[in-house]
Structure formats: structure tokens, C-alpha cells
PDB file of N, CA and C in Angstrom:
ATOM      1  N   UNK A   1     -28.367  -2.424  25.607  1.00  0.00           N
ATOM      2  CA  UNK A   1     -28.363  -2.896  24.228  1.00  0.00           C
ATOM      3  C   UNK A   1     -28.063  -1.739  23.267  1.00  0.00           C
ATOM      4  N   UNK A   2     -28.563  -0.569  23.622  1.00  0.00           N
ATOM      5  CA  UNK A   2     -28.342   0.598  22.763  1.00  0.00           C
ATOM      6  C   UNK A   2     -26.866   0.994  22.732  1.00  0.00           C
ATOM      7  N   UNK A   3     -26.191   0.852  23.860  1.00  0.00           N
ATOM      8  CA  UNK A   3     -24.760   1.174  23.932  1.00  0.00           C
ATOM      9  C   UNK A   3     -23.958   0.203  23.073  1.00  0.00           C
ATOM     10  N   UNK A   4     -24.334  -1.068  23.121  1.00  0.00           N
ATOM     11  CA  UNK A   4     -23.651  -2.072  22.301  1.00  0.00           C
ATOM     12  C   UNK A   4     -23.822  -1.763  20.815  1.00  0.00           C
ATOM     13  N   UNK A   5     -25.006  -1.359  20.421  1.00  0.00           N
ATOM     14  CA  UNK A   5     -25.253  -1.016  19.020  1.00  0.00           C
ATOM     15  C   UNK A   5     -24.407   0.185  18.600  1.00  0.00           C
ATOM     16  N   UNK A   6     -24.287   1.172  19.464  1.00  0.00           N
ATOM     17  CA  UNK A   6     -23.450   2.338  19.158  1.00  0.00           C
ATOM     18  C   UNK A   6     -21.992   1.943  19.014  1.00  0.00           C
ATOM     19  N   UNK A   7     -21.529   1.108  19.926  1.00  0.00           N
ATOM     20  CA  UNK A   7     -20.131   0.665  19.860  1.00  0.00           C
ATOM     21  C   UNK A   7     -19.863  -0.114  18.571  1.00  0.00           C
ATOM     22  N   UNK A   8     -20.769  -0.993  18.210  1.00  0.00           N
ATOM     23  CA  UNK A   8     -20.600  -1.756  16.976  1.00  0.00           C
ATOM     24  C   UNK A   8     -20.624  -0.846  15.754  1.00  0.00           C
ATOM     25  N   UNK A   9     -21.453   0.164  15.782  1.00  0.00           N
ATOM     26  CA  UNK A   9     -21.500   1.117  14.679  1.00  0.00           C
ATOM     27  C   UNK A   9     -20.191   1.882  14.568  1.00  0.00           C
ATOM     28  N   UNK A  10     -19.670   2.331  15.683  1.00  0.00           N
ATOM     29  CA  UNK A  10     -18.405   3.076  15.680  1.00  0.00           C
ATOM     30  C   UNK A  10     -17.261   2.185  15.203  1.00  0.00           C
ATOM     31  N   UNK A  11     -17.234   0.952  15.693  1.00  0.00           N
ATOM     32  CA  UNK A  11     -16.176   0.021  15.271  1.00  0.00           C
ATOM     33  C   UNK A  11     -16.276  -0.254  13.779  1.00  0.00           C
ATOM     34  N   UNK A  12     -17.483  -0.434  13.283  1.00  0.00           N
ATOM     35  CA  UNK A  12     -17.666  -0.685  11.854  1.00  0.00           C
ATOM     36  C   UNK A  12     -17.204   0.505  11.029  1.00  0.00           C
ATOM     37  N   UNK A  13     -17.521   1.699  11.464  1.00  0.00           N
ATOM     38  CA  UNK A  13     -17.085   2.890  10.737  1.00  0.00           C
ATOM     39  C   UNK A  13     -15.564   3.025  10.751  1.00  0.00           C
ATOM     40  N   UNK A  14     -14.945   2.753  11.899  1.00  0.00           N
ATOM     41  CA  UNK A  14     -13.484   2.818  11.979  1.00  0.00           C
ATOM     42  C   UNK A  14     -12.830   1.770  11.083  1.00  0.00           C
ATOM     43  N   UNK A  15     -13.393   0.578  11.026  1.00  0.00           N
ATOM     44  CA  UNK A  15     -12.860  -0.463  10.151  1.00  0.00           C
ATOM     45  C   UNK A  15     -12.999  -0.063   8.687  1.00  0.00           C
ATOM     46  N   UNK A  16     -14.089   0.594   8.344  1.00  0.00           N
ATOM     47  CA  UNK A  16     -14.292   1.048   6.979  1.00  0.00           C
ATOM     48  C   UNK A  16     -13.262   2.105   6.599  1.00  0.00           C
ATOM     49  N   UNK A  17     -13.029   3.057   7.481  1.00  0.00           N
ATOM     50  CA  UNK A  17     -12.026   4.091   7.232  1.00  0.00           C
ATOM     51  C   UNK A  17     -10.646   3.468   7.086  1.00  0.00           C
ATOM     52  N   UNK A  18     -10.328   2.498   7.936  1.00  0.00           N
ATOM     53  CA  UNK A  18      -9.038   1.819   7.853  1.00  0.00           C
ATOM     54  C   UNK A  18      -8.900   1.064   6.532  1.00  0.00           C
ATOM     55  N   UNK A  19      -9.941   0.380   6.118  1.00  0.00           N
ATOM     56  CA  UNK A  19      -9.899  -0.375   4.863  1.00  0.00           C
ATOM     57  C   UNK A  19      -9.711   0.554   3.666  1.00  0.00           C
ATOM     58  N   UNK A  20     -10.364   1.692   3.677  1.00  0.00           N
ATOM     59  CA  UNK A  20     -10.202   2.658   2.583  1.00  0.00           C
ATOM     60  C   UNK A  20      -8.790   3.212   2.580  1.00  0.00           C
ATOM     61  N   UNK A  21      -8.238   3.473   3.751  1.00  0.00           N
ATOM     62  CA  UNK A  21      -6.861   3.972   3.837  1.00  0.00           C
ATOM     63  C   UNK A  21      -5.858   2.954   3.304  1.00  0.00           C
ATOM     64  N   UNK A  22      -6.043   1.697   3.669  1.00  0.00           N
ATOM     65  CA  UNK A  22      -5.147   0.644   3.181  1.00  0.00           C
ATOM     66  C   UNK A  22      -5.273   0.502   1.678  1.00  0.00           C
ATOM     67  N   UNK A  23      -6.483   0.548   1.156  1.00  0.00           N
ATOM     68  CA  UNK A  23      -6.684   0.440  -0.289  1.00  0.00           C
ATOM     69  C   UNK A  23      -6.010   1.596  -1.028  1.00  0.00           C
ATOM     70  N   UNK A  24      -6.092   2.790  -0.475  1.00  0.00           N
ATOM     71  CA  UNK A  24      -5.443   3.946  -1.104  1.00  0.00           C
ATOM     72  C   UNK A  24      -3.924   3.803  -1.073  1.00  0.00           C
ATOM     73  N   UNK A  25      -3.392   3.293   0.032  1.00  0.00           N
ATOM     74  CA  UNK A  25      -1.951   3.099   0.125  1.00  0.00           C
ATOM     75  C   UNK A  25      -1.466   2.049  -0.864  1.00  0.00           C
ATOM     76  N   UNK A  26      -2.210   0.979  -1.017  1.00  0.00           N
ATOM     77  CA  UNK A  26      -1.837  -0.077  -1.977  1.00  0.00           C
ATOM     78  C   UNK A  26      -1.895   0.459  -3.390  1.00  0.00           C
ATOM     79  N   UNK A  27      -2.911   1.234  -3.694  1.00  0.00           N
ATOM     80  CA  UNK A  27      -3.037   1.828  -5.035  1.00  0.00           C
ATOM     81  C   UNK A  27      -1.865   2.758  -5.329  1.00  0.00           C
ATOM     82  N   UNK A  28      -1.498   3.587  -4.366  1.00  0.00           N
ATOM     83  CA  UNK A  28      -0.373   4.509  -4.542  1.00  0.00           C
ATOM     84  C   UNK A  28       0.927   3.744  -4.740  1.00  0.00           C
ATOM     85  N   UNK A  29       1.114   2.690  -3.952  1.00  0.00           N
ATOM     86  CA  UNK A  29       2.325   1.886  -4.078  1.00  0.00           C
ATOM     87  C   UNK A  29       2.395   1.208  -5.440  1.00  0.00           C
ATOM     88  N   UNK A  30       1.266   0.705  -5.917  1.00  0.00           N
ATOM     89  CA  UNK A  30       1.242   0.059  -7.228  1.00  0.00           C
ATOM     90  C   UNK A  30       1.568   1.056  -8.332  1.00  0.00           C
ATOM     91  N   UNK A  31       1.043   2.264  -8.230  1.00  0.00           N
ATOM     92  CA  UNK A  31       1.345   3.281  -9.248  1.00  0.00           C
ATOM     93  C   UNK A  31       2.816   3.679  -9.223  1.00  0.00           C
ATOM     94  N   UNK A  32       3.389   3.806  -8.024  1.00  0.00           N
ATOM     95  CA  UNK A  32       4.821   4.126  -7.931  1.00  0.00           C
ATOM     96  C   UNK A  32       5.664   3.012  -8.524  1.00  0.00           C
ATOM     97  N   UNK A  33       5.263   1.782  -8.263  1.00  0.00           N
ATOM     98  CA  UNK A  33       6.004   0.639  -8.796  1.00  0.00           C
ATOM     99  C   UNK A  33       5.948   0.636 -10.326  1.00  0.00           C
ATOM    100  N   UNK A  34       4.769   0.890 -10.896  1.00  0.00           N
ATOM    101  CA  UNK A  34       4.639   0.957 -12.354  1.00  0.00           C
ATOM    102  C   UNK A  34       5.441   2.117 -12.925  1.00  0.00           C
ATOM    103  N   UNK A  35       5.470   3.234 -12.232  1.00  0.00           N
ATOM    104  CA  UNK A  35       6.208   4.397 -12.708  1.00  0.00           C
ATOM    105  C   UNK A  35       7.709   4.120 -12.696  1.00  0.00           C
ATOM    106  N   UNK A  36       8.189   3.405 -11.686  1.00  0.00           N
ATOM    107  CA  UNK A  36       9.609   3.057 -11.634  1.00  0.00           C
ATOM    108  C   UNK A  36      10.001   2.149 -12.787  1.00  0.00           C
ATOM    109  N   UNK A  37       9.099   1.279 -13.217  1.00  0.00           N
ATOM    110  CA  UNK A  37       9.384   0.408 -14.357  1.00  0.00           C
ATOM    111  C   UNK A  37       9.528   1.227 -15.633  1.00  0.00           C
ATOM    112  N   UNK A  38       8.703   2.246 -15.783  1.00  0.00           N
ATOM    113  CA  UNK A  38       8.739   3.057 -17.002  1.00  0.00           C
ATOM    114  C   UNK A  38      10.004   3.890 -17.097  1.00  0.00           C
ATOM    115  N   UNK A  39      10.405   4.511 -15.988  1.00  0.00           N
ATOM    116  CA  UNK A  39      11.537   5.432 -16.019  1.00  0.00           C
ATOM    117  C   UNK A  39      12.858   4.759 -15.698  1.00  0.00           C
ATOM    118  N   UNK A  40      12.827   3.518 -15.267  1.00  0.00           N
ATOM    119  CA  UNK A  40      14.056   2.799 -14.960  1.00  0.00           C
ATOM    120  C   UNK A  40      14.510   3.075 -13.536  1.00  0.00           C
ATOM    121  N   UNK A  41      15.386   2.218 -13.047  1.00  0.00           N
ATOM    122  CA  UNK A  41      15.927   2.379 -11.706  1.00  0.00           C
ATOM    123  C   UNK A  41      17.431   2.216 -11.761  1.00  0.00           C
ATOM    124  N   UNK A  42      18.101   2.704 -10.765  1.00  0.00           N
ATOM    125  CA  UNK A  42      19.546   2.560 -10.674  1.00  0.00           C
ATOM    126  C   UNK A  42      19.856   1.216 -10.025  1.00  0.00           C
ATOM    127  N   UNK A  43      20.710   0.454 -10.632  1.00  0.00           N
ATOM    128  CA  UNK A  43      21.050  -0.861 -10.109  1.00  0.00           C
ATOM    129  C   UNK A  43      22.064  -0.727  -8.982  1.00  0.00           C
ATOM    130  N   UNK A  44      21.910  -1.543  -7.950  1.00  0.00           N
ATOM    131  CA  UNK A  44      22.825  -1.510  -6.818  1.00  0.00           C
ATOM    132  C   UNK A  44      24.018  -2.437  -7.039  1.00  0.00           C
ATOM    133  N   UNK A  45      24.029  -3.171  -8.145  1.00  0.00           N
ATOM    134  CA  UNK A  45      25.101  -4.122  -8.416  1.00  0.00           C
ATOM    135  C   UNK A  45      25.791  -3.778  -9.734  1.00  0.00           C
ATOM    136  N   UNK A  46      27.011  -4.233  -9.850  1.00  0.00           N
ATOM    137  CA  UNK A  46      27.725  -4.002 -11.109  1.00  0.00           C
ATOM    138  C   UNK A  46      27.297  -4.998 -12.182  1.00  0.00           C
ATOM    139  N   UNK A  47      26.762  -6.148 -11.774  1.00  0.00           N
ATOM    140  CA  UNK A  47      26.280  -7.161 -12.721  1.00  0.00           C
ATOM    141  C   UNK A  47      24.775  -7.310 -12.518  1.00  0.00           C
ATOM    142  N   UNK A  48      23.956  -6.665 -13.372  1.00  0.00           N
ATOM    143  CA  UNK A  48      22.507  -6.668 -13.151  1.00  0.00           C
ATOM    144  C   UNK A  48      21.864  -8.052 -13.243  1.00  0.00           C
ATOM    145  N   UNK A  49      22.481  -8.980 -13.987  1.00  0.00           N
ATOM    146  CA  UNK A  49      21.866 -10.303 -14.113  1.00  0.00           C
ATOM    147  C   UNK A  49      21.985 -11.112 -12.826  1.00  0.00           C
ATOM    148  N   UNK A  50      22.973 -10.798 -11.994  1.00  0.00           N
ATOM    149  CA  UNK A  50      23.149 -11.526 -10.746  1.00  0.00           C
ATOM    150  C   UNK A  50      22.426 -10.880  -9.575  1.00  0.00           C
ATOM    151  N   UNK A  51      22.158  -9.605  -9.679  1.00  0.00           N
ATOM    152  CA  UNK A  51      21.537  -8.883  -8.574  1.00  0.00           C
ATOM    153  C   UNK A  51      20.271  -8.204  -9.065  1.00  0.00           C
ATOM    154  N   UNK A  52      19.150  -8.527  -8.437  1.00  0.00           N
ATOM    155  CA  UNK A  52      17.866  -7.965  -8.852  1.00  0.00           C
ATOM    156  C   UNK A  52      17.438  -6.799  -7.968  1.00  0.00           C
ATOM    157  N   UNK A  53      18.305  -6.377  -7.094  1.00  0.00           N
ATOM    158  CA  UNK A  53      17.963  -5.298  -6.177  1.00  0.00           C
ATOM    159  C   UNK A  53      18.191  -3.954  -6.848  1.00  0.00           C
ATOM    160  N   UNK A  54      17.269  -3.048  -6.701  1.00  0.00           N
ATOM    161  CA  UNK A  54      17.392  -1.720  -7.301  1.00  0.00           C
ATOM    162  C   UNK A  54      17.301  -0.654  -6.221  1.00  0.00           C
ATOM    163  N   UNK A  55      17.909   0.462  -6.469  1.00  0.00           N
ATOM    164  CA  UNK A  55      17.875   1.571  -5.517  1.00  0.00           C
ATOM    165  C   UNK A  55      16.584   2.330  -5.659  1.00  0.00           C
TER     166      UNK A  55
END
């Protein structure tokens, strides 16, 4: 029973570390996305109204 408790504790800690890492990555991505809106992006199309893809 003690081994099972240790394993569950380790798994819980690993899941917590993973969740914090994912949250940090999402936060960084959101900030980059907001920064790209402020400074503008280069359009990949000659007609921006028809193509919403940006470089």
C-alpha cells in the first residue's frame, strides 16, 4: 500500500509540473499573438481581404 501511495504522489507531482508547463506555454503564445497584432504582420497574399494568412 505504501508503494502505491508513493507512485500516486509521484504521478500527481508530474501531472502538476506538466500542467504548469502547458499553462506557461499558452501564456507565452497568447502574448506573442497580442504582440504580433500591435506591430503588424506581413501578408502572404497580394489581396489581404481574400487571404487571412500572415507570415
